[in-house]
Amino acid sequence: MATLSVVATPIGNLEDITLRALKVLSSVDLILCEDTRMTKRLLDRHNISNKTRSYHAHSKISRVDEIIGLLKDGQNLALVSDAGTPGISDPGAELVSRIRRECANEIMSGEIKIESIPGPSALTGALSIAGVPCADFTFLGFLPHKKGRETLFKEIAVSPRTMVFYESPHRIMKTLESLVEHVGQNSGKDMDSIIFKKVTVCRELTKIFEEIVAGTPSEVKKYFEAHPDKIRGEFVVIVS
């Protein structure tokens, strides 16, 4: 049986990796990486000297065909992203989908297996320390840059569920401005129908300068305006 192991890797602290993940990364024939340089840091930290090859959003179709060919030849592969769980807001989902589609017969017969090696995720990590209702939430991934962006903010403003999404340092301030505009407004015409929204921004998760900033949309925006040096790294934004 050939196996594609979808391996979660640390989102910051290189110690945040499971024993099972280390075993898999050490034993597979090839590690598929979003960025081989990023993965090399992790492998070096844990004394793993295995072969790597890039697979990312801009990989050509020929690279996917090559990966499928390796699996059909009986090789064991590991798929990792730069950080966190592959397939969650990264191109890993497309690769897994293509393999499931084109290797359906081999998967049914047991010749090829796709397995999850679970671990770190910025989504669950942020929710675990935010102190917000999360029994029922909606994850939006990275928000679109243009088309549909305003519609999403309008949905966030009225949703009864906790809404979670990722944001980059280049767009976080623009996002906070949109939250002030849409979420900062009450949703009713009288006090009985006002819905108060809380915004929680999690940054540098698992790293030395991990920080949680929470408050009204305006309060959070003012905080980052006053601390521009903290507009770094990837952000998890929670609206509850």
C-alpha atoms as a PDB file:
ATOM      1  CA  MET A   1       0.000   0.000   0.000  1.00  0.00           C
ATOM      2  CA  ALA A   2       1.257   3.479  -0.915  1.00  0.00           C
ATOM      3  CA  THR A   3       0.308   6.213   1.530  1.00  0.00           C
ATOM      4  CA  LEU A   4      -0.076   9.968   1.295  1.00  0.00           C
ATOM      5  CA  SER A   5       0.252  11.290   4.848  1.00  0.00           C
ATOM      6  CA  VAL A   6      -1.190  14.784   5.327  1.00  0.00           C
ATOM      7  CA  VAL A   7       0.987  16.056   8.174  1.00  0.00           C
ATOM      8  CA  ALA A   8       0.229  19.045  10.416  1.00  0.00           C
ATOM      9  CA  THR A   9       3.363  21.020  11.331  1.00  0.00           C
ATOM     10  CA  PRO A  10       4.053  23.813  13.872  1.00  0.00           C
ATOM     11  CA  ILE A  11       2.525  27.246  13.324  1.00  0.00           C
ATOM     12  CA  GLY A  12       5.406  28.958  15.117  1.00  0.00           C
ATOM     13  CA  ASN A  13       7.107  27.022  17.881  1.00  0.00           C
ATOM     14  CA  LEU A  14       9.055  24.183  16.253  1.00  0.00           C
ATOM     15  CA  GLU A  15       8.511  22.007  19.337  1.00  0.00           C
ATOM     16  CA  ASP A  16       4.787  21.781  18.552  1.00  0.00           C
ATOM     17  CA  ILE A  17       4.902  18.602  16.512  1.00  0.00           C
ATOM     18  CA  THR A  18       3.629  15.143  17.384  1.00  0.00           C
ATOM     19  CA  LEU A  19       5.767  12.041  17.775  1.00  0.00           C
ATOM     20  CA  ARG A  20       3.749  10.403  15.019  1.00  0.00           C
ATOM     21  CA  ALA A  21       4.440  13.310  12.641  1.00  0.00           C
ATOM     22  CA  LEU A  22       8.190  13.056  13.286  1.00  0.00           C
ATOM     23  CA  LYS A  23       8.075   9.312  12.639  1.00  0.00           C
ATOM     24  CA  VAL A  24       6.234   9.789   9.348  1.00  0.00           C
ATOM     25  CA  LEU A  25       8.492  12.602   8.139  1.00  0.00           C
ATOM     26  CA  SER A  26      11.520  10.436   8.903  1.00  0.00           C
ATOM     27  CA  SER A  27      10.247   7.342   7.109  1.00  0.00           C
ATOM     28  CA  VAL A  28       8.475   8.455   3.906  1.00  0.00           C
ATOM     29  CA  ASP A  29      10.120   8.309   0.497  1.00  0.00           C
ATOM     30  CA  LEU A  30       9.477  11.998  -0.181  1.00  0.00           C
ATOM     31  CA  ILE A  31       8.122  15.098   1.615  1.00  0.00           C
ATOM     32  CA  LEU A  32       5.998  17.481  -0.459  1.00  0.00           C
ATOM     33  CA  CYS A  33       6.444  21.047   0.825  1.00  0.00           C
ATOM     34  CA  GLU A  34       4.706  24.339   0.232  1.00  0.00           C
ATOM     35  CA  ASP A  35       8.180  25.905   0.632  1.00  0.00           C
ATOM     36  CA  THR A  36      11.175  23.576   0.938  1.00  0.00           C
ATOM     37  CA  ARG A  37      13.180  26.244   2.782  1.00  0.00           C
ATOM     38  CA  MET A  38      10.556  26.571   5.508  1.00  0.00           C
ATOM     39  CA  THR A  39      10.267  22.805   5.889  1.00  0.00           C
ATOM     40  CA  LYS A  40      14.061  22.424   6.051  1.00  0.00           C
ATOM     41  CA  ARG A  41      14.098  24.526   9.239  1.00  0.00           C
ATOM     42  CA  LEU A  42      11.693  22.078  10.854  1.00  0.00           C
ATOM     43  CA  LEU A  43      13.531  19.000   9.589  1.00  0.00           C
ATOM     44  CA  ASP A  44      16.907  20.339  10.716  1.00  0.00           C
ATOM     45  CA  ARG A  45      15.506  21.129  14.160  1.00  0.00           C
ATOM     46  CA  HIS A  46      14.471  17.493  14.581  1.00  0.00           C
ATOM     47  CA  ASN A  47      17.482  15.926  12.813  1.00  0.00           C
ATOM     48  CA  ILE A  48      15.497  14.613   9.865  1.00  0.00           C
ATOM     49  CA  SER A  49      17.385  14.338   6.577  1.00  0.00           C
ATOM     50  CA  ASN A  50      14.764  13.242   4.109  1.00  0.00           C
ATOM     51  CA  LYS A  51      14.152  14.180   0.499  1.00  0.00           C
ATOM     52  CA  THR A  52      11.830  17.132  -0.169  1.00  0.00           C
ATOM     53  CA  ARG A  53      10.104  18.489  -3.228  1.00  0.00           C
ATOM     54  CA  SER A  54       7.968  21.588  -3.675  1.00  0.00           C
ATOM     55  CA  TYR A  55       4.231  21.545  -4.150  1.00  0.00           C
ATOM     56  CA  HIS A  56       2.432  24.888  -3.887  1.00  0.00           C
ATOM     57  CA  ALA A  57      -0.366  26.993  -5.350  1.00  0.00           C
ATOM     58  CA  HIS A  58       1.624  27.726  -8.514  1.00  0.00           C
ATOM     59  CA  SER A  59       2.813  24.183  -9.198  1.00  0.00           C
ATOM     60  CA  LYS A  60       2.207  23.028 -12.752  1.00  0.00           C
ATOM     61  CA  ILE A  61      -0.165  20.209 -13.615  1.00  0.00           C
ATOM     62  CA  SER A  62       2.881  18.111 -14.466  1.00  0.00           C
ATOM     63  CA  ARG A  63       3.964  18.217 -10.817  1.00  0.00           C
ATOM     64  CA  VAL A  64       0.593  16.835  -9.711  1.00  0.00           C
ATOM     65  CA  ASP A  65       0.835  14.129 -12.379  1.00  0.00           C
ATOM     66  CA  GLU A  66       4.299  13.284 -11.049  1.00  0.00           C
ATOM     67  CA  ILE A  67       2.987  12.985  -7.475  1.00  0.00           C
ATOM     68  CA  ILE A  68       0.153  10.709  -8.581  1.00  0.00           C
ATOM     69  CA  GLY A  69       2.656   8.612 -10.504  1.00  0.00           C
ATOM     70  CA  LEU A  70       4.829   8.180  -7.410  1.00  0.00           C
ATOM     71  CA  LEU A  71       1.844   6.963  -5.395  1.00  0.00           C
ATOM     72  CA  LYS A  72       0.849   4.519  -8.122  1.00  0.00           C
ATOM     73  CA  ASP A  73       4.433   3.252  -8.115  1.00  0.00           C
ATOM     74  CA  GLY A  74       4.045   2.398  -4.417  1.00  0.00           C
ATOM     75  CA  GLN A  75       5.968   5.260  -2.822  1.00  0.00           C
ATOM     76  CA  ASN A  76       4.962   6.771   0.529  1.00  0.00           C
ATOM     77  CA  LEU A  77       4.646  10.554   0.531  1.00  0.00           C
ATOM     78  CA  ALA A  78       4.095  13.205   3.197  1.00  0.00           C
ATOM     79  CA  LEU A  79       2.362  16.500   2.459  1.00  0.00           C
ATOM     80  CA  VAL A  80       3.141  19.530   4.634  1.00  0.00           C
ATOM     81  CA  SER A  81       2.339  23.231   4.425  1.00  0.00           C
ATOM     82  CA  ASP A  82       4.505  26.075   5.707  1.00  0.00           C
ATOM     83  CA  ALA A  83       2.606  25.957   8.989  1.00  0.00           C
ATOM     84  CA  GLY A  84      -0.424  24.223  10.451  1.00  0.00           C
ATOM     85  CA  THR A  85      -2.677  21.636   8.840  1.00  0.00           C
ATOM     86  CA  PRO A  86      -2.412  21.169   5.050  1.00  0.00           C
ATOM     87  CA  GLY A  87      -5.628  21.758   3.157  1.00  0.00           C
ATOM     88  CA  ILE A  88      -6.830  24.497   5.510  1.00  0.00           C
ATOM     89  CA  SER A  89      -6.501  27.668   3.429  1.00  0.00           C
ATOM     90  CA  ASP A  90      -3.619  26.289   1.348  1.00  0.00           C
ATOM     91  CA  PRO A  91      -3.234  24.367  -1.935  1.00  0.00           C
ATOM     92  CA  GLY A  92      -3.040  20.979  -0.231  1.00  0.00           C
ATOM     93  CA  ALA A  93      -6.807  20.603  -0.554  1.00  0.00           C
ATOM     94  CA  GLU A  94      -6.579  20.720  -4.347  1.00  0.00           C
ATOM     95  CA  LEU A  95      -3.899  18.032  -4.431  1.00  0.00           C
ATOM     96  CA  VAL A  96      -5.840  15.684  -2.151  1.00  0.00           C
ATOM     97  CA  SER A  97      -8.986  16.238  -4.221  1.00  0.00           C
ATOM     98  CA  ARG A  98      -7.145  15.418  -7.449  1.00  0.00           C
ATOM     99  CA  ILE A  99      -5.613  12.254  -5.968  1.00  0.00           C
ATOM    100  CA  ARG A 100      -8.996  11.090  -4.661  1.00  0.00           C
ATOM    101  CA  ARG A 101     -10.497  11.668  -8.083  1.00  0.00           C
ATOM    102  CA  GLU A 102      -7.780  10.110 -10.248  1.00  0.00           C
ATOM    103  CA  CYS A 103      -6.823   7.283  -7.888  1.00  0.00           C
ATOM    104  CA  ALA A 104     -10.367   6.332  -6.872  1.00  0.00           C
ATOM    105  CA  ASN A 105      -9.966   2.709  -7.979  1.00  0.00           C
ATOM    106  CA  GLU A 106      -6.624   2.311  -6.182  1.00  0.00           C
ATOM    107  CA  ILE A 107      -8.053   3.840  -3.009  1.00  0.00           C
ATOM    108  CA  MET A 108     -11.093   1.543  -3.142  1.00  0.00           C
ATOM    109  CA  SER A 109      -8.878  -1.527  -3.630  1.00  0.00           C
ATOM    110  CA  GLY A 110      -6.523  -0.538  -0.818  1.00  0.00           C
ATOM    111  CA  GLU A 111      -3.502   0.075  -3.052  1.00  0.00           C
ATOM    112  CA  ILE A 112      -3.354   3.769  -2.070  1.00  0.00           C
ATOM    113  CA  LYS A 113      -4.267   5.320   1.264  1.00  0.00           C
ATOM    114  CA  ILE A 114      -4.647   8.963   2.292  1.00  0.00           C
ATOM    115  CA  GLU A 115      -4.210   9.456   6.032  1.00  0.00           C
ATOM    116  CA  SER A 116      -4.357  12.397   8.424  1.00  0.00           C
ATOM    117  CA  ILE A 117      -1.506  13.093  10.837  1.00  0.00           C
ATOM    118  CA  PRO A 118      -3.297  15.756  12.921  1.00  0.00           C
ATOM    119  CA  GLY A 119      -1.678  18.491  14.950  1.00  0.00           C
ATOM    120  CA  PRO A 120      -1.299  22.285  15.059  1.00  0.00           C
ATOM    121  CA  SER A 121      -3.899  24.592  13.531  1.00  0.00           C
ATOM    122  CA  ALA A 122      -4.062  28.361  13.920  1.00  0.00           C
ATOM    123  CA  LEU A 123      -7.870  28.123  13.794  1.00  0.00           C
ATOM    124  CA  THR A 124      -8.311  25.825  16.792  1.00  0.00           C
ATOM    125  CA  GLY A 125      -5.342  27.326  18.612  1.00  0.00           C
ATOM    126  CA  ALA A 126      -6.874  30.801  18.477  1.00  0.00           C
ATOM    127  CA  LEU A 127     -10.348  29.652  19.521  1.00  0.00           C
ATOM    128  CA  SER A 128      -8.917  27.731  22.478  1.00  0.00           C
ATOM    129  CA  ILE A 129      -7.500  30.877  24.107  1.00  0.00           C
ATOM    130  CA  ALA A 130      -9.883  33.591  22.875  1.00  0.00           C
ATOM    131  CA  GLY A 131     -12.558  32.983  25.502  1.00  0.00           C
ATOM    132  CA  VAL A 132     -15.434  33.346  23.037  1.00  0.00           C
ATOM    133  CA  PRO A 133     -18.422  31.088  22.268  1.00  0.00           C
ATOM    134  CA  CYS A 134     -17.109  28.428  19.885  1.00  0.00           C
ATOM    135  CA  ALA A 135     -19.478  25.474  20.111  1.00  0.00           C
ATOM    136  CA  ASP A 136     -20.884  26.776  16.839  1.00  0.00           C
ATOM    137  CA  PHE A 137     -18.650  28.830  14.559  1.00  0.00           C
ATOM    138  CA  THR A 138     -18.018  29.542  10.873  1.00  0.00           C
ATOM    139  CA  PHE A 139     -14.507  29.538   9.406  1.00  0.00           C
ATOM    140  CA  LEU A 140     -14.024  31.799   6.378  1.00  0.00           C
ATOM    141  CA  GLY A 141     -10.352  31.155   5.615  1.00  0.00           C
ATOM    142  CA  PHE A 142      -8.632  34.180   4.038  1.00  0.00           C
ATOM    143  CA  LEU A 143     -11.190  36.780   2.953  1.00  0.00           C
ATOM    144  CA  PRO A 144     -11.273  37.659  -0.755  1.00  0.00           C
ATOM    145  CA  HIS A 145      -9.379  40.807  -1.662  1.00  0.00           C
ATOM    146  CA  LYS A 146     -12.116  42.317  -3.807  1.00  0.00           C
ATOM    147  CA  LYS A 147     -15.117  40.393  -5.139  1.00  0.00           C
ATOM    148  CA  GLY A 148     -17.523  39.398  -2.392  1.00  0.00           C
ATOM    149  CA  ARG A 149     -15.540  41.071   0.377  1.00  0.00           C
ATOM    150  CA  GLU A 150     -18.187  43.626   1.356  1.00  0.00           C
ATOM    151  CA  THR A 151     -20.884  40.959   1.265  1.00  0.00           C
ATOM    152  CA  LEU A 152     -18.890  38.846   3.722  1.00  0.00           C
ATOM    153  CA  PHE A 153     -18.544  41.724   6.186  1.00  0.00           C
ATOM    154  CA  LYS A 154     -22.289  42.254   6.037  1.00  0.00           C
ATOM    155  CA  GLU A 155     -22.798  38.563   6.802  1.00  0.00           C
ATOM    156  CA  ILE A 156     -20.327  38.739   9.686  1.00  0.00           C
ATOM    157  CA  ALA A 157     -22.209  41.711  11.124  1.00  0.00           C
ATOM    158  CA  VAL A 158     -25.513  39.845  11.445  1.00  0.00           C
ATOM    159  CA  SER A 159     -24.382  36.265  11.998  1.00  0.00           C
ATOM    160  CA  PRO A 160     -25.461  34.706  15.315  1.00  0.00           C
ATOM    161  CA  ARG A 161     -22.429  32.400  15.082  1.00  0.00           C
ATOM    162  CA  THR A 162     -18.838  33.183  15.958  1.00  0.00           C
ATOM    163  CA  MET A 163     -17.028  34.005  12.717  1.00  0.00           C
ATOM    164  CA  VAL A 164     -13.317  33.252  12.266  1.00  0.00           C
ATOM    165  CA  PHE A 165     -10.943  34.138   9.449  1.00  0.00           C
ATOM    166  CA  TYR A 166      -7.254  34.598   8.668  1.00  0.00           C
ATOM    167  CA  GLU A 167      -5.654  37.884   7.685  1.00  0.00           C
ATOM    168  CA  SER A 168      -2.203  39.026   6.562  1.00  0.00           C
ATOM    169  CA  PRO A 169      -0.235  41.963   8.041  1.00  0.00           C
ATOM    170  CA  HIS A 170      -0.686  43.838   4.758  1.00  0.00           C
ATOM    171  CA  ARG A 171      -4.476  43.852   5.042  1.00  0.00           C
ATOM    172  CA  ILE A 172      -5.230  43.714   8.753  1.00  0.00           C
ATOM    173  CA  MET A 173      -5.781  47.462   9.154  1.00  0.00           C
ATOM    174  CA  LYS A 174      -8.082  47.616   6.144  1.00  0.00           C
ATOM    175  CA  THR A 175      -9.984  44.667   7.596  1.00  0.00           C
ATOM    176  CA  LEU A 176     -10.336  46.381  10.961  1.00  0.00           C
ATOM    177  CA  GLU A 177     -11.662  49.483   9.187  1.00  0.00           C
ATOM    178  CA  SER A 178     -14.295  47.335   7.488  1.00  0.00           C
ATOM    179  CA  LEU A 179     -15.223  45.738  10.813  1.00  0.00           C
ATOM    180  CA  VAL A 180     -15.660  49.190  12.343  1.00  0.00           C
ATOM    181  CA  GLU A 181     -17.873  50.169   9.414  1.00  0.00           C
ATOM    182  CA  HIS A 182     -20.055  47.056   9.334  1.00  0.00           C
ATOM    183  CA  VAL A 183     -19.780  45.282  12.670  1.00  0.00           C
ATOM    184  CA  GLY A 184     -19.351  48.415  14.720  1.00  0.00           C
ATOM    185  CA  GLN A 185     -22.910  49.423  13.947  1.00  0.00           C
ATOM    186  CA  ASN A 186     -25.742  47.982  16.016  1.00  0.00           C
ATOM    187  CA  SER A 187     -28.055  45.707  14.074  1.00  0.00           C
ATOM    188  CA  GLY A 188     -31.417  46.900  15.348  1.00  0.00           C
ATOM    189  CA  LYS A 189     -33.570  49.983  15.568  1.00  0.00           C
ATOM    190  CA  ASP A 190     -34.048  49.838  19.324  1.00  0.00           C
ATOM    191  CA  MET A 191     -32.135  48.638  22.393  1.00  0.00           C
ATOM    192  CA  ASP A 192     -33.995  45.313  22.497  1.00  0.00           C
ATOM    193  CA  SER A 193     -32.668  44.307  19.063  1.00  0.00           C
ATOM    194  CA  ILE A 194     -29.068  45.550  19.314  1.00  0.00           C
ATOM    195  CA  ILE A 195     -26.447  42.851  18.845  1.00  0.00           C
ATOM    196  CA  PHE A 196     -23.112  43.731  20.430  1.00  0.00           C
ATOM    197  CA  LYS A 197     -20.101  42.249  18.639  1.00  0.00           C
ATOM    198  CA  LYS A 198     -16.670  41.553  20.087  1.00  0.00           C
ATOM    199  CA  VAL A 199     -13.563  41.372  17.917  1.00  0.00           C
ATOM    200  CA  THR A 200     -10.613  39.244  19.032  1.00  0.00           C
ATOM    201  CA  VAL A 201      -7.343  39.382  17.123  1.00  0.00           C
ATOM    202  CA  CYS A 202      -4.773  36.642  17.788  1.00  0.00           C
ATOM    203  CA  ARG A 203      -1.253  37.209  16.539  1.00  0.00           C
ATOM    204  CA  GLU A 204       2.096  35.410  16.721  1.00  0.00           C
ATOM    205  CA  LEU A 205       0.406  32.257  18.054  1.00  0.00           C
ATOM    206  CA  THR A 206       2.835  29.884  19.841  1.00  0.00           C
ATOM    207  CA  LYS A 207       5.695  32.369  19.418  1.00  0.00           C
ATOM    208  CA  ILE A 208       7.497  34.497  22.021  1.00  0.00           C
ATOM    209  CA  PHE A 209       5.331  37.557  21.363  1.00  0.00           C
ATOM    210  CA  GLU A 210       1.979  35.769  21.206  1.00  0.00           C
ATOM    211  CA  GLU A 211      -0.764  38.294  21.854  1.00  0.00           C
ATOM    212  CA  ILE A 212      -4.536  38.485  22.083  1.00  0.00           C
ATOM    213  CA  VAL A 213      -6.233  41.843  21.524  1.00  0.00           C
ATOM    214  CA  ALA A 214      -9.981  41.987  22.158  1.00  0.00           C
ATOM    215  CA  GLY A 215     -12.689  44.624  22.359  1.00  0.00           C
ATOM    216  CA  THR A 216     -15.074  46.503  20.130  1.00  0.00           C
ATOM    217  CA  PRO A 217     -14.010  46.895  16.491  1.00  0.00           C
ATOM    218  CA  SER A 218     -13.010  50.505  17.204  1.00  0.00           C
ATOM    219  CA  GLU A 219     -10.992  49.588  20.293  1.00  0.00           C
ATOM    220  CA  VAL A 220      -9.026  46.911  18.472  1.00  0.00           C
ATOM    221  CA  LYS A 221      -8.374  49.218  15.503  1.00  0.00           C
ATOM    222  CA  LYS A 222      -7.146  52.003  17.793  1.00  0.00           C
ATOM    223  CA  TYR A 223      -4.821  49.571  19.568  1.00  0.00           C
ATOM    224  CA  PHE A 224      -3.029  48.612  16.360  1.00  0.00           C
ATOM    225  CA  GLU A 225      -2.946  52.221  15.186  1.00  0.00           C
ATOM    226  CA  ALA A 226      -1.127  53.041  18.428  1.00  0.00           C
ATOM    227  CA  HIS A 227       1.213  50.014  18.071  1.00  0.00           C
ATOM    228  CA  PRO A 228       2.171  49.800  14.371  1.00  0.00           C
ATOM    229  CA  ASP A 229       5.188  47.678  15.302  1.00  0.00           C
ATOM    230  CA  LYS A 230       2.778  44.852  16.139  1.00  0.00           C
ATOM    231  CA  ILE A 231       1.309  44.613  12.650  1.00  0.00           C
ATOM    232  CA  ARG A 232       3.443  41.574  11.859  1.00  0.00           C
ATOM    233  CA  GLY A 233       2.944  37.885  11.243  1.00  0.00           C
ATOM    234  CA  GLU A 234      -0.303  36.138  10.434  1.00  0.00           C
ATOM    235  CA  PHE A 235      -3.512  37.082  12.207  1.00  0.00           C
ATOM    236  CA  VAL A 236      -6.550  35.090  13.263  1.00  0.00           C
ATOM    237  CA  VAL A 237      -9.582  37.367  13.576  1.00  0.00           C
ATOM    238  CA  ILE A 238     -12.612  36.242  15.593  1.00  0.00           C
ATOM    239  CA  VAL A 239     -15.931  38.106  15.627  1.00  0.00           C
ATOM    240  CA  SER A 240     -18.299  36.887  18.343  1.00  0.00           C
END
